Amino acid sequence: MLPKAKEIVDAMSLKMKGAVDYLEEDLKNYRVGKASPAILNPVLVDYYGTPTPVSQVASVTTPDAKTIAIQPWERSLIAKIEKAILDANVGLTPSNNGEIIRCQVPALTEERRKELIKKAKAAGETTKVTVRNARRDGIDLLKKAQKNEGLSEDGEKEGEDELQKLTDKWVKEVDALISAKEKDILTV
């Protein structure tokens, strides 16, 4: 493949990978009835006037499948962490013994499972659209390069074929991620 075409394909490949990586991170935040420190990712604690993620002001562990334990590095943070968890509306109710905050992860209802699957599939579709848009943008750039920068017709075709292969690869990856998350959500 010619250098200009390769440059365009590589740039679009990065865009596609970025979209899939974002989806993967997003799916980690879904509460599926099992304890996971990732559930607390959206929780920000007021740490000396700065909103700070819980994981940066405390040790977050999962002693068992239904419990998240949070041990603040400063005892004065216990009340602030509890308030932040409640304010973040992540579906957890914190309780503490003066040293450790524990959050019991409630089991998911059938309705909530269906809701989460629907949300995961919607996120997957959005990611696929982003991947396809990157392909379209890449094809547009290849056509412009052929027209304005002297990229050969064969170079353009080769670049388009490579973009299609990448698109197929990333769409397949999105399908695999959604399928795995759906299985995870349905596992009781």
N, C-alpha and C. Protein backbone atom coordinates (compact mmCIF):
# COMPACT_ATOMS: atom_id res chain seq x y z
N MET A 1 0.86 -1.18 0.00
CA MET A 1 0.00 0.00 0.00
C MET A 1 0.91 1.24 0.00
N LEU A 2 0.48 2.25 -0.71
CA LEU A 2 1.26 3.48 -0.82
C LEU A 2 1.27 4.23 0.51
N PRO A 3 2.34 5.00 0.78
CA PRO A 3 2.46 5.69 2.08
C PRO A 3 1.26 6.57 2.43
N LYS A 4 0.75 7.34 1.47
CA LYS A 4 -0.39 8.24 1.76
C LYS A 4 -1.63 7.43 2.13
N ALA A 5 -1.90 6.35 1.36
CA ALA A 5 -3.06 5.50 1.63
C ALA A 5 -2.89 4.83 3.00
N LYS A 6 -1.69 4.35 3.28
CA LYS A 6 -1.43 3.69 4.56
C LYS A 6 -1.63 4.65 5.72
N GLU A 7 -1.20 5.88 5.54
CA GLU A 7 -1.36 6.92 6.57
C GLU A 7 -2.86 7.13 6.88
N ILE A 8 -3.67 7.22 5.85
CA ILE A 8 -5.12 7.41 6.02
C ILE A 8 -5.74 6.20 6.70
N VAL A 9 -5.39 5.01 6.24
CA VAL A 9 -5.94 3.78 6.82
C VAL A 9 -5.54 3.65 8.29
N ASP A 10 -4.28 3.96 8.60
CA ASP A 10 -3.82 3.88 9.99
C ASP A 10 -4.57 4.86 10.89
N ALA A 11 -4.81 6.07 10.39
CA ALA A 11 -5.54 7.08 11.18
C ALA A 11 -6.96 6.62 11.46
N MET A 12 -7.62 6.05 10.46
CA MET A 12 -9.00 5.57 10.64
C MET A 12 -9.03 4.35 11.55
N SER A 13 -7.99 3.53 11.45
CA SER A 13 -7.89 2.35 12.32
C SER A 13 -7.82 2.77 13.78
N LEU A 14 -7.07 3.84 14.04
CA LEU A 14 -6.97 4.36 15.41
C LEU A 14 -8.32 4.87 15.90
N LYS A 15 -9.06 5.55 15.01
CA LYS A 15 -10.40 6.04 15.38
C LYS A 15 -11.31 4.87 15.74
N MET A 16 -11.27 3.83 14.91
CA MET A 16 -12.12 2.65 15.13
C MET A 16 -11.75 1.98 16.45
N LYS A 17 -10.46 1.80 16.68
CA LYS A 17 -9.99 1.16 17.92
C LYS A 17 -10.41 2.00 19.13
N GLY A 18 -10.31 3.31 19.00
CA GLY A 18 -10.70 4.19 20.10
C GLY A 18 -12.18 4.04 20.44
N ALA A 19 -13.02 3.92 19.42
CA ALA A 19 -14.46 3.74 19.66
C ALA A 19 -14.74 2.43 20.38
N VAL A 20 -14.07 1.37 19.96
CA VAL A 20 -14.28 0.05 20.58
C VAL A 20 -13.72 0.05 22.01
N ASP A 21 -12.57 0.69 22.21
CA ASP A 21 -12.01 0.77 23.57
C ASP A 21 -12.95 1.53 24.50
N TYR A 22 -13.55 2.60 23.99
CA TYR A 22 -14.51 3.37 24.79
C TYR A 22 -15.70 2.50 25.17
N LEU A 23 -16.21 1.73 24.22
CA LEU A 23 -17.34 0.83 24.50
C LEU A 23 -16.96 -0.18 25.59
N GLU A 24 -15.77 -0.74 25.45
CA GLU A 24 -15.31 -1.73 26.43
C GLU A 24 -15.27 -1.14 27.84
N GLU A 25 -14.74 0.07 27.97
CA GLU A 25 -14.69 0.75 29.27
C GLU A 25 -16.10 1.05 29.78
N ASP A 26 -16.97 1.50 28.89
CA ASP A 26 -18.34 1.83 29.25
C ASP A 26 -19.07 0.60 29.78
N LEU A 27 -18.87 -0.54 29.13
CA LEU A 27 -19.56 -1.77 29.55
C LEU A 27 -19.09 -2.24 30.93
N LYS A 28 -17.87 -1.90 31.30
CA LYS A 28 -17.36 -2.28 32.62
C LYS A 28 -18.14 -1.59 33.74
N ASN A 29 -18.73 -0.42 33.43
CA ASN A 29 -19.45 0.33 34.45
C ASN A 29 -20.87 -0.18 34.68
N TYR A 30 -21.33 -1.13 33.89
CA TYR A 30 -22.68 -1.66 34.07
C TYR A 30 -22.70 -2.54 35.32
N ARG A 31 -23.64 -2.27 36.19
CA ARG A 31 -23.76 -3.07 37.41
C ARG A 31 -24.58 -4.31 37.08
N VAL A 32 -23.94 -5.46 37.10
CA VAL A 32 -24.61 -6.69 36.69
C VAL A 32 -24.90 -7.64 37.84
N GLY A 33 -25.04 -7.11 39.05
CA GLY A 33 -25.38 -7.97 40.18
C GLY A 33 -24.18 -8.59 40.86
N LYS A 34 -22.99 -8.37 40.31
CA LYS A 34 -21.77 -8.89 40.93
C LYS A 34 -20.94 -7.69 41.36
N ALA A 35 -20.29 -7.82 42.48
CA ALA A 35 -19.46 -6.73 42.99
C ALA A 35 -18.25 -6.54 42.08
N SER A 36 -17.98 -5.28 41.76
CA SER A 36 -16.81 -4.94 40.96
C SER A 36 -16.41 -3.51 41.31
N PRO A 37 -15.12 -3.27 41.53
CA PRO A 37 -14.69 -1.91 41.84
C PRO A 37 -15.07 -0.91 40.73
N ALA A 38 -15.24 -1.39 39.50
CA ALA A 38 -15.60 -0.51 38.37
C ALA A 38 -16.95 0.16 38.58
N ILE A 39 -17.81 -0.42 39.40
CA ILE A 39 -19.12 0.18 39.67
C ILE A 39 -18.95 1.59 40.25
N LEU A 40 -17.85 1.78 40.98
CA LEU A 40 -17.62 3.08 41.64
C LEU A 40 -16.87 4.08 40.75
N ASN A 41 -16.59 3.73 39.50
CA ASN A 41 -15.86 4.65 38.61
C ASN A 41 -16.52 6.03 38.49
N PRO A 42 -17.86 6.11 38.39
CA PRO A 42 -18.45 7.45 38.25
C PRO A 42 -18.53 8.25 39.56
N VAL A 43 -18.13 7.65 40.67
CA VAL A 43 -18.24 8.32 41.97
C VAL A 43 -17.04 9.23 42.20
N LEU A 44 -17.33 10.51 42.43
CA LEU A 44 -16.27 11.49 42.71
C LEU A 44 -16.43 12.03 44.13
N VAL A 45 -15.35 12.00 44.89
CA VAL A 45 -15.35 12.46 46.28
C VAL A 45 -14.73 13.85 46.35
N ASP A 46 -15.30 14.71 47.19
CA ASP A 46 -14.74 16.04 47.39
C ASP A 46 -13.50 15.88 48.27
N TYR A 47 -12.32 15.91 47.66
CA TYR A 47 -11.07 15.73 48.39
C TYR A 47 -10.33 17.06 48.41
N TYR A 48 -10.44 17.78 49.52
CA TYR A 48 -9.86 19.11 49.68
C TYR A 48 -10.26 20.03 48.53
N GLY A 49 -11.55 20.02 48.21
CA GLY A 49 -12.10 20.92 47.19
C GLY A 49 -11.98 20.44 45.76
N THR A 50 -11.39 19.26 45.55
CA THR A 50 -11.22 18.73 44.20
C THR A 50 -12.02 17.44 44.04
N PRO A 51 -12.89 17.35 43.02
CA PRO A 51 -13.60 16.09 42.78
C PRO A 51 -12.60 15.01 42.36
N THR A 52 -12.51 13.96 43.15
CA THR A 52 -11.50 12.92 42.95
C THR A 52 -12.17 11.55 42.92
N PRO A 53 -11.77 10.66 41.99
CA PRO A 53 -12.34 9.30 41.98
C PRO A 53 -12.06 8.56 43.29
N VAL A 54 -13.02 7.74 43.71
CA VAL A 54 -12.90 6.99 44.97
C VAL A 54 -11.60 6.19 45.00
N SER A 55 -11.25 5.58 43.86
CA SER A 55 -10.07 4.72 43.82
C SER A 55 -8.77 5.48 44.10
N GLN A 56 -8.82 6.83 44.06
CA GLN A 56 -7.62 7.61 44.34
C GLN A 56 -7.55 8.11 45.78
N VAL A 57 -8.60 7.87 46.56
CA VAL A 57 -8.58 8.30 47.96
C VAL A 57 -8.82 7.13 48.92
N ALA A 58 -8.99 5.92 48.34
CA ALA A 58 -9.27 4.76 49.18
C ALA A 58 -8.89 3.48 48.45
N SER A 59 -8.76 2.43 49.23
CA SER A 59 -8.53 1.10 48.66
C SER A 59 -9.90 0.47 48.42
N VAL A 60 -10.19 0.08 47.17
CA VAL A 60 -11.50 -0.50 46.84
C VAL A 60 -11.29 -1.96 46.49
N THR A 61 -11.95 -2.84 47.26
CA THR A 61 -11.80 -4.28 47.04
C THR A 61 -13.18 -4.96 47.01
N THR A 62 -13.19 -6.19 46.54
CA THR A 62 -14.42 -6.99 46.54
C THR A 62 -14.13 -8.28 47.31
N PRO A 63 -14.41 -8.27 48.63
CA PRO A 63 -14.13 -9.45 49.44
C PRO A 63 -14.97 -10.68 49.04
N ASP A 64 -16.15 -10.43 48.47
CA ASP A 64 -16.96 -11.54 47.95
C ASP A 64 -17.78 -11.02 46.77
N ALA A 65 -18.58 -11.90 46.16
CA ALA A 65 -19.30 -11.55 44.93
C ALA A 65 -20.39 -10.50 45.11
N LYS A 66 -20.80 -10.25 46.35
CA LYS A 66 -21.91 -9.32 46.58
C LYS A 66 -21.52 -8.08 47.39
N THR A 67 -20.23 -7.93 47.73
CA THR A 67 -19.80 -6.84 48.60
C THR A 67 -18.63 -6.06 47.99
N ILE A 68 -18.70 -4.74 48.13
CA ILE A 68 -17.57 -3.89 47.79
C ILE A 68 -17.11 -3.24 49.10
N ALA A 69 -15.81 -3.36 49.39
CA ALA A 69 -15.26 -2.76 50.60
C ALA A 69 -14.37 -1.58 50.20
N ILE A 70 -14.58 -0.46 50.88
CA ILE A 70 -13.82 0.76 50.60
C ILE A 70 -13.12 1.18 51.88
N GLN A 71 -11.80 1.18 51.86
CA GLN A 71 -11.04 1.59 53.03
C GLN A 71 -10.33 2.90 52.71
N PRO A 72 -10.88 4.04 53.22
CA PRO A 72 -10.27 5.34 52.92
C PRO A 72 -8.87 5.43 53.53
N TRP A 73 -8.01 6.17 52.86
CA TRP A 73 -6.66 6.37 53.37
C TRP A 73 -6.66 7.40 54.50
N GLU A 74 -7.71 8.21 54.58
CA GLU A 74 -7.87 9.14 55.69
C GLU A 74 -9.24 8.91 56.29
N ARG A 75 -9.29 8.70 57.58
CA ARG A 75 -10.56 8.39 58.25
C ARG A 75 -11.60 9.50 58.06
N SER A 76 -11.13 10.74 57.94
CA SER A 76 -12.05 11.89 57.79
C SER A 76 -12.85 11.82 56.48
N LEU A 77 -12.44 10.96 55.56
CA LEU A 77 -13.11 10.87 54.26
C LEU A 77 -14.33 9.95 54.27
N ILE A 78 -14.52 9.17 55.33
CA ILE A 78 -15.61 8.19 55.35
C ILE A 78 -16.96 8.83 55.02
N ALA A 79 -17.32 9.91 55.70
CA ALA A 79 -18.62 10.55 55.46
C ALA A 79 -18.70 11.10 54.03
N LYS A 80 -17.59 11.69 53.55
CA LYS A 80 -17.59 12.25 52.20
C LYS A 80 -17.76 11.16 51.14
N ILE A 81 -17.11 10.01 51.35
CA ILE A 81 -17.23 8.91 50.38
C ILE A 81 -18.66 8.37 50.38
N GLU A 82 -19.23 8.20 51.59
CA GLU A 82 -20.62 7.72 51.66
C GLU A 82 -21.56 8.67 50.94
N LYS A 83 -21.39 9.96 51.16
CA LYS A 83 -22.24 10.96 50.50
C LYS A 83 -22.05 10.91 48.99
N ALA A 84 -20.81 10.78 48.55
CA ALA A 84 -20.52 10.74 47.10
C ALA A 84 -21.16 9.51 46.45
N ILE A 85 -21.15 8.37 47.14
CA ILE A 85 -21.76 7.15 46.60
C ILE A 85 -23.27 7.34 46.46
N LEU A 86 -23.88 7.92 47.48
CA LEU A 86 -25.33 8.17 47.42
C LEU A 86 -25.67 9.19 46.33
N ASP A 87 -24.86 10.26 46.23
CA ASP A 87 -25.11 11.31 45.23
C ASP A 87 -24.92 10.81 43.80
N ALA A 88 -23.99 9.86 43.62
CA ALA A 88 -23.70 9.35 42.27
C ALA A 88 -24.82 8.46 41.74
N ASN A 89 -25.71 8.02 42.62
CA ASN A 89 -26.86 7.21 42.22
C ASN A 89 -26.44 5.97 41.43
N VAL A 90 -25.51 5.20 41.98
CA VAL A 90 -25.06 3.98 41.33
C VAL A 90 -25.81 2.75 41.83
N GLY A 91 -26.81 2.98 42.66
CA GLY A 91 -27.64 1.87 43.13
C GLY A 91 -27.06 1.13 44.33
N LEU A 92 -26.15 1.75 45.05
CA LEU A 92 -25.54 1.13 46.22
C LEU A 92 -25.85 1.95 47.46
N THR A 93 -26.01 1.26 48.59
CA THR A 93 -26.22 1.94 49.86
C THR A 93 -25.03 1.62 50.77
N PRO A 94 -24.21 2.63 51.06
CA PRO A 94 -23.03 2.39 51.88
C PRO A 94 -23.34 2.31 53.38
N SER A 95 -22.56 1.49 54.08
CA SER A 95 -22.64 1.46 55.55
C SER A 95 -21.20 1.31 56.04
N ASN A 96 -20.90 1.91 57.21
CA ASN A 96 -19.51 1.83 57.67
C ASN A 96 -19.45 1.42 59.14
N ASN A 97 -18.26 0.94 59.50
CA ASN A 97 -18.01 0.55 60.89
C ASN A 97 -16.98 1.47 61.52
N GLY A 98 -16.77 2.65 60.93
CA GLY A 98 -15.79 3.59 61.46
C GLY A 98 -14.46 3.51 60.75
N GLU A 99 -14.19 2.40 60.07
CA GLU A 99 -12.93 2.24 59.35
C GLU A 99 -13.13 1.87 57.89
N ILE A 100 -14.10 1.00 57.65
CA ILE A 100 -14.34 0.49 56.29
C ILE A 100 -15.79 0.75 55.89
N ILE A 101 -15.97 1.17 54.65
CA ILE A 101 -17.33 1.34 54.12
C ILE A 101 -17.64 0.08 53.31
N ARG A 102 -18.80 -0.50 53.55
CA ARG A 102 -19.21 -1.68 52.79
C ARG A 102 -20.47 -1.35 52.00
N CYS A 103 -20.51 -1.84 50.78
CA CYS A 103 -21.69 -1.66 49.93
C CYS A 103 -22.13 -3.04 49.45
N GLN A 104 -23.36 -3.40 49.77
CA GLN A 104 -23.91 -4.66 49.28
C GLN A 104 -24.47 -4.42 47.89
N VAL A 105 -24.10 -5.28 46.95
CA VAL A 105 -24.59 -5.15 45.58
C VAL A 105 -25.87 -5.97 45.47
N PRO A 106 -27.01 -5.28 45.26
CA PRO A 106 -28.27 -6.02 45.18
C PRO A 106 -28.36 -6.84 43.89
N ALA A 107 -29.11 -7.94 43.97
CA ALA A 107 -29.33 -8.76 42.77
C ALA A 107 -30.19 -7.97 41.79
N LEU A 108 -29.99 -8.23 40.52
CA LEU A 108 -30.75 -7.53 39.50
C LEU A 108 -32.12 -8.18 39.30
N THR A 109 -33.12 -7.35 39.07
CA THR A 109 -34.44 -7.87 38.73
C THR A 109 -34.44 -8.22 37.25
N GLU A 110 -35.40 -9.02 36.83
CA GLU A 110 -35.50 -9.40 35.42
C GLU A 110 -35.67 -8.16 34.53
N GLU A 111 -36.48 -7.22 35.03
CA GLU A 111 -36.73 -5.99 34.28
C GLU A 111 -35.43 -5.19 34.09
N ARG A 112 -34.65 -5.10 35.17
CA ARG A 112 -33.38 -4.36 35.11
C ARG A 112 -32.39 -5.04 34.17
N ARG A 113 -32.39 -6.39 34.17
CA ARG A 113 -31.50 -7.13 33.27
C ARG A 113 -31.83 -6.79 31.81
N LYS A 114 -33.13 -6.80 31.49
CA LYS A 114 -33.56 -6.49 30.12
C LYS A 114 -33.17 -5.06 29.75
N GLU A 115 -33.32 -4.16 30.72
CA GLU A 115 -32.96 -2.75 30.52
C GLU A 115 -31.45 -2.62 30.22
N LEU A 116 -30.64 -3.34 30.99
CA LEU A 116 -29.19 -3.28 30.80
C LEU A 116 -28.78 -3.86 29.45
N ILE A 117 -29.42 -4.95 29.05
CA ILE A 117 -29.11 -5.56 27.75
C ILE A 117 -29.46 -4.59 26.63
N LYS A 118 -30.62 -3.95 26.78
CA LYS A 118 -31.05 -2.97 25.77
C LYS A 118 -30.04 -1.82 25.69
N LYS A 119 -29.60 -1.35 26.85
CA LYS A 119 -28.63 -0.25 26.92
C LYS A 119 -27.29 -0.68 26.29
N ALA A 120 -26.86 -1.91 26.58
CA ALA A 120 -25.60 -2.42 26.03
C ALA A 120 -25.69 -2.53 24.51
N LYS A 121 -26.83 -3.03 24.01
CA LYS A 121 -26.98 -3.16 22.56
C LYS A 121 -27.00 -1.79 21.89
N ALA A 122 -27.64 -0.82 22.53
CA ALA A 122 -27.67 0.55 21.98
C ALA A 122 -26.26 1.13 21.92
N ALA A 123 -25.48 0.91 22.99
CA ALA A 123 -24.09 1.38 23.02
C ALA A 123 -23.28 0.69 21.91
N GLY A 124 -23.55 -0.59 21.70
CA GLY A 124 -22.87 -1.33 20.63
C GLY A 124 -23.20 -0.76 19.26
N GLU A 125 -24.47 -0.46 19.03
CA GLU A 125 -24.88 0.11 17.74
C GLU A 125 -24.23 1.48 17.52
N THR A 126 -24.18 2.28 18.57
CA THR A 126 -23.53 3.60 18.46
C THR A 126 -22.06 3.43 18.09
N THR A 127 -21.41 2.45 18.69
CA THR A 127 -20.00 2.20 18.39
C THR A 127 -19.83 1.74 16.94
N LYS A 128 -20.75 0.88 16.48
CA LYS A 128 -20.67 0.42 15.08
C LYS A 128 -20.83 1.60 14.12
N VAL A 129 -21.73 2.52 14.45
CA VAL A 129 -21.93 3.71 13.61
C VAL A 129 -20.63 4.52 13.57
N THR A 130 -19.99 4.67 14.72
CA THR A 130 -18.73 5.41 14.78
C THR A 130 -17.66 4.74 13.91
N VAL A 131 -17.59 3.40 13.98
CA VAL A 131 -16.63 2.65 13.17
C VAL A 131 -16.92 2.85 11.68
N ARG A 132 -18.20 2.76 11.31
CA ARG A 132 -18.56 2.93 9.90
C ARG A 132 -18.32 4.37 9.43
N ASN A 133 -18.55 5.33 10.32
CA ASN A 133 -18.26 6.73 9.96
C ASN A 133 -16.77 6.92 9.72
N ALA A 134 -15.94 6.25 10.51
CA ALA A 134 -14.49 6.34 10.31
C ALA A 134 -14.12 5.75 8.95
N ARG A 135 -14.79 4.65 8.57
CA ARG A 135 -14.54 4.05 7.25
C ARG A 135 -14.92 5.06 6.16
N ARG A 136 -16.11 5.65 6.29
CA ARG A 136 -16.57 6.62 5.30
C ARG A 136 -15.60 7.80 5.20
N ASP A 137 -15.17 8.32 6.35
CA ASP A 137 -14.22 9.44 6.36
C ASP A 137 -12.91 9.03 5.68
N GLY A 138 -12.47 7.81 5.94
CA GLY A 138 -11.24 7.31 5.32
C GLY A 138 -11.37 7.22 3.81
N ILE A 139 -12.52 6.72 3.35
CA ILE A 139 -12.76 6.61 1.90
C ILE A 139 -12.78 8.01 1.27
N ASP A 140 -13.43 8.95 1.94
CA ASP A 140 -13.45 10.34 1.44
C ASP A 140 -12.03 10.90 1.33
N LEU A 141 -11.22 10.65 2.36
CA LEU A 141 -9.84 11.14 2.35
C LEU A 141 -9.04 10.48 1.23
N LEU A 142 -9.27 9.18 0.99
CA LEU A 142 -8.57 8.48 -0.09
C LEU A 142 -8.95 9.07 -1.45
N LYS A 143 -10.24 9.37 -1.61
CA LYS A 143 -10.69 9.95 -2.88
C LYS A 143 -10.07 11.34 -3.09
N LYS A 144 -10.01 12.13 -2.03
CA LYS A 144 -9.40 13.46 -2.12
C LYS A 144 -7.91 13.33 -2.45
N ALA A 145 -7.26 12.34 -1.81
CA ALA A 145 -5.83 12.14 -2.06
C ALA A 145 -5.60 11.72 -3.51
N GLN A 146 -6.51 10.92 -4.05
CA GLN A 146 -6.37 10.51 -5.45
C GLN A 146 -6.54 11.72 -6.37
N LYS A 147 -7.52 12.54 -6.04
CA LYS A 147 -7.85 13.70 -6.88
C LYS A 147 -6.78 14.80 -6.78
N ASN A 148 -6.38 15.12 -5.55
CA ASN A 148 -5.52 16.28 -5.32
C ASN A 148 -4.04 15.98 -5.13
N GLU A 149 -3.72 14.77 -4.64
CA GLU A 149 -2.33 14.50 -4.26
C GLU A 149 -1.68 13.42 -5.12
N GLY A 150 -2.36 13.02 -6.16
CA GLY A 150 -1.76 12.07 -7.09
C GLY A 150 -1.71 10.63 -6.62
N LEU A 151 -2.57 10.27 -5.69
CA LEU A 151 -2.64 8.87 -5.26
C LEU A 151 -3.23 8.07 -6.42
N SER A 152 -2.62 6.93 -6.74
CA SER A 152 -3.10 6.14 -7.88
C SER A 152 -4.47 5.54 -7.57
N GLU A 153 -5.18 5.16 -8.65
CA GLU A 153 -6.50 4.54 -8.49
C GLU A 153 -6.36 3.21 -7.74
N ASP A 154 -5.30 2.48 -8.08
CA ASP A 154 -5.06 1.20 -7.40
C ASP A 154 -4.77 1.43 -5.92
N GLY A 155 -4.03 2.48 -5.61
CA GLY A 155 -3.73 2.81 -4.21
C GLY A 155 -5.00 3.14 -3.45
N GLU A 156 -5.90 3.87 -4.12
CA GLU A 156 -7.17 4.21 -3.48
C GLU A 156 -7.99 2.95 -3.23
N LYS A 157 -8.08 2.09 -4.25
CA LYS A 157 -8.86 0.84 -4.13
C LYS A 157 -8.29 -0.03 -3.01
N GLU A 158 -6.98 -0.13 -2.97
CA GLU A 158 -6.31 -0.94 -1.95
C GLU A 158 -6.62 -0.40 -0.55
N GLY A 159 -6.58 0.94 -0.44
CA GLY A 159 -6.91 1.58 0.84
C GLY A 159 -8.35 1.32 1.24
N GLU A 160 -9.27 1.41 0.27
CA GLU A 160 -10.69 1.15 0.55
C GLU A 160 -10.90 -0.29 1.02
N ASP A 161 -10.22 -1.23 0.34
CA ASP A 161 -10.33 -2.65 0.73
C ASP A 161 -9.82 -2.85 2.16
N GLU A 162 -8.71 -2.20 2.47
CA GLU A 162 -8.13 -2.33 3.81
C GLU A 162 -9.08 -1.72 4.86
N LEU A 163 -9.68 -0.58 4.53
CA LEU A 163 -10.64 0.04 5.46
C LEU A 163 -11.84 -0.87 5.69
N GLN A 164 -12.31 -1.54 4.64
CA GLN A 164 -13.45 -2.45 4.79
C GLN A 164 -13.08 -3.62 5.69
N LYS A 165 -11.87 -4.16 5.52
CA LYS A 165 -11.41 -5.27 6.37
C LYS A 165 -11.36 -4.83 7.84
N LEU A 166 -10.82 -3.63 8.07
CA LEU A 166 -10.75 -3.10 9.43
C LEU A 166 -12.15 -2.90 10.01
N THR A 167 -13.05 -2.36 9.20
CA THR A 167 -14.43 -2.13 9.65
C THR A 167 -15.06 -3.46 10.06
N ASP A 168 -14.91 -4.48 9.22
CA ASP A 168 -15.47 -5.80 9.52
C ASP A 168 -14.89 -6.36 10.81
N LYS A 169 -13.57 -6.18 10.97
CA LYS A 169 -12.90 -6.69 12.18
C LYS A 169 -13.46 -6.01 13.44
N TRP A 170 -13.58 -4.68 13.41
CA TRP A 170 -14.02 -3.96 14.60
C TRP A 170 -15.51 -4.18 14.88
N VAL A 171 -16.33 -4.30 13.83
CA VAL A 171 -17.75 -4.58 14.04
C VAL A 171 -17.91 -5.96 14.69
N LYS A 172 -17.09 -6.91 14.24
CA LYS A 172 -17.12 -8.26 14.83
C LYS A 172 -16.71 -8.19 16.31
N GLU A 173 -15.72 -7.36 16.62
CA GLU A 173 -15.26 -7.17 18.00
C GLU A 173 -16.37 -6.57 18.87
N VAL A 174 -17.09 -5.59 18.32
CA VAL A 174 -18.22 -4.97 19.04
C VAL A 174 -19.27 -6.03 19.33
N ASP A 175 -19.61 -6.84 18.32
CA ASP A 175 -20.60 -7.90 18.52
C ASP A 175 -20.17 -8.86 19.62
N ALA A 176 -18.88 -9.20 19.64
CA ALA A 176 -18.35 -10.11 20.66
C ALA A 176 -18.46 -9.49 22.06
N LEU A 177 -18.12 -8.20 22.17
CA LEU A 177 -18.20 -7.51 23.47
C LEU A 177 -19.65 -7.46 23.97
N ILE A 178 -20.58 -7.13 23.09
CA ILE A 178 -21.99 -7.04 23.49
C ILE A 178 -22.52 -8.42 23.87
N SER A 179 -22.15 -9.42 23.10
CA SER A 179 -22.59 -10.79 23.39
C SER A 179 -22.07 -11.25 24.76
N ALA A 180 -20.80 -10.95 25.04
CA ALA A 180 -20.22 -11.34 26.33
C ALA A 180 -20.90 -10.60 27.47
N LYS A 181 -21.20 -9.31 27.29
CA LYS A 181 -21.85 -8.52 28.33
C LYS A 181 -23.27 -9.02 28.55
N GLU A 182 -23.96 -9.36 27.48
CA GLU A 182 -25.33 -9.89 27.58
C GLU A 182 -25.33 -11.19 28.39
N LYS A 183 -24.36 -12.05 28.10
CA LYS A 183 -24.22 -13.32 28.83
C LYS A 183 -23.95 -13.03 30.32
N ASP A 184 -23.07 -12.05 30.56
CA ASP A 184 -22.72 -11.67 31.92
C ASP A 184 -23.95 -11.15 32.68
N ILE A 185 -24.76 -10.33 32.00
CA ILE A 185 -25.95 -9.76 32.63
C ILE A 185 -26.98 -10.84 32.96
N LEU A 186 -27.11 -11.81 32.05
CA LEU A 186 -28.11 -12.87 32.25
C LEU A 186 -27.68 -13.92 33.26
N THR A 187 -26.38 -13.98 33.56
CA THR A 187 -25.88 -14.95 34.56
C THR A 187 -26.31 -14.49 35.95
N VAL A 188 -27.02 -15.35 36.63
CA VAL A 188 -27.54 -14.98 37.97
C VAL A 188 -26.53 -15.35 39.02
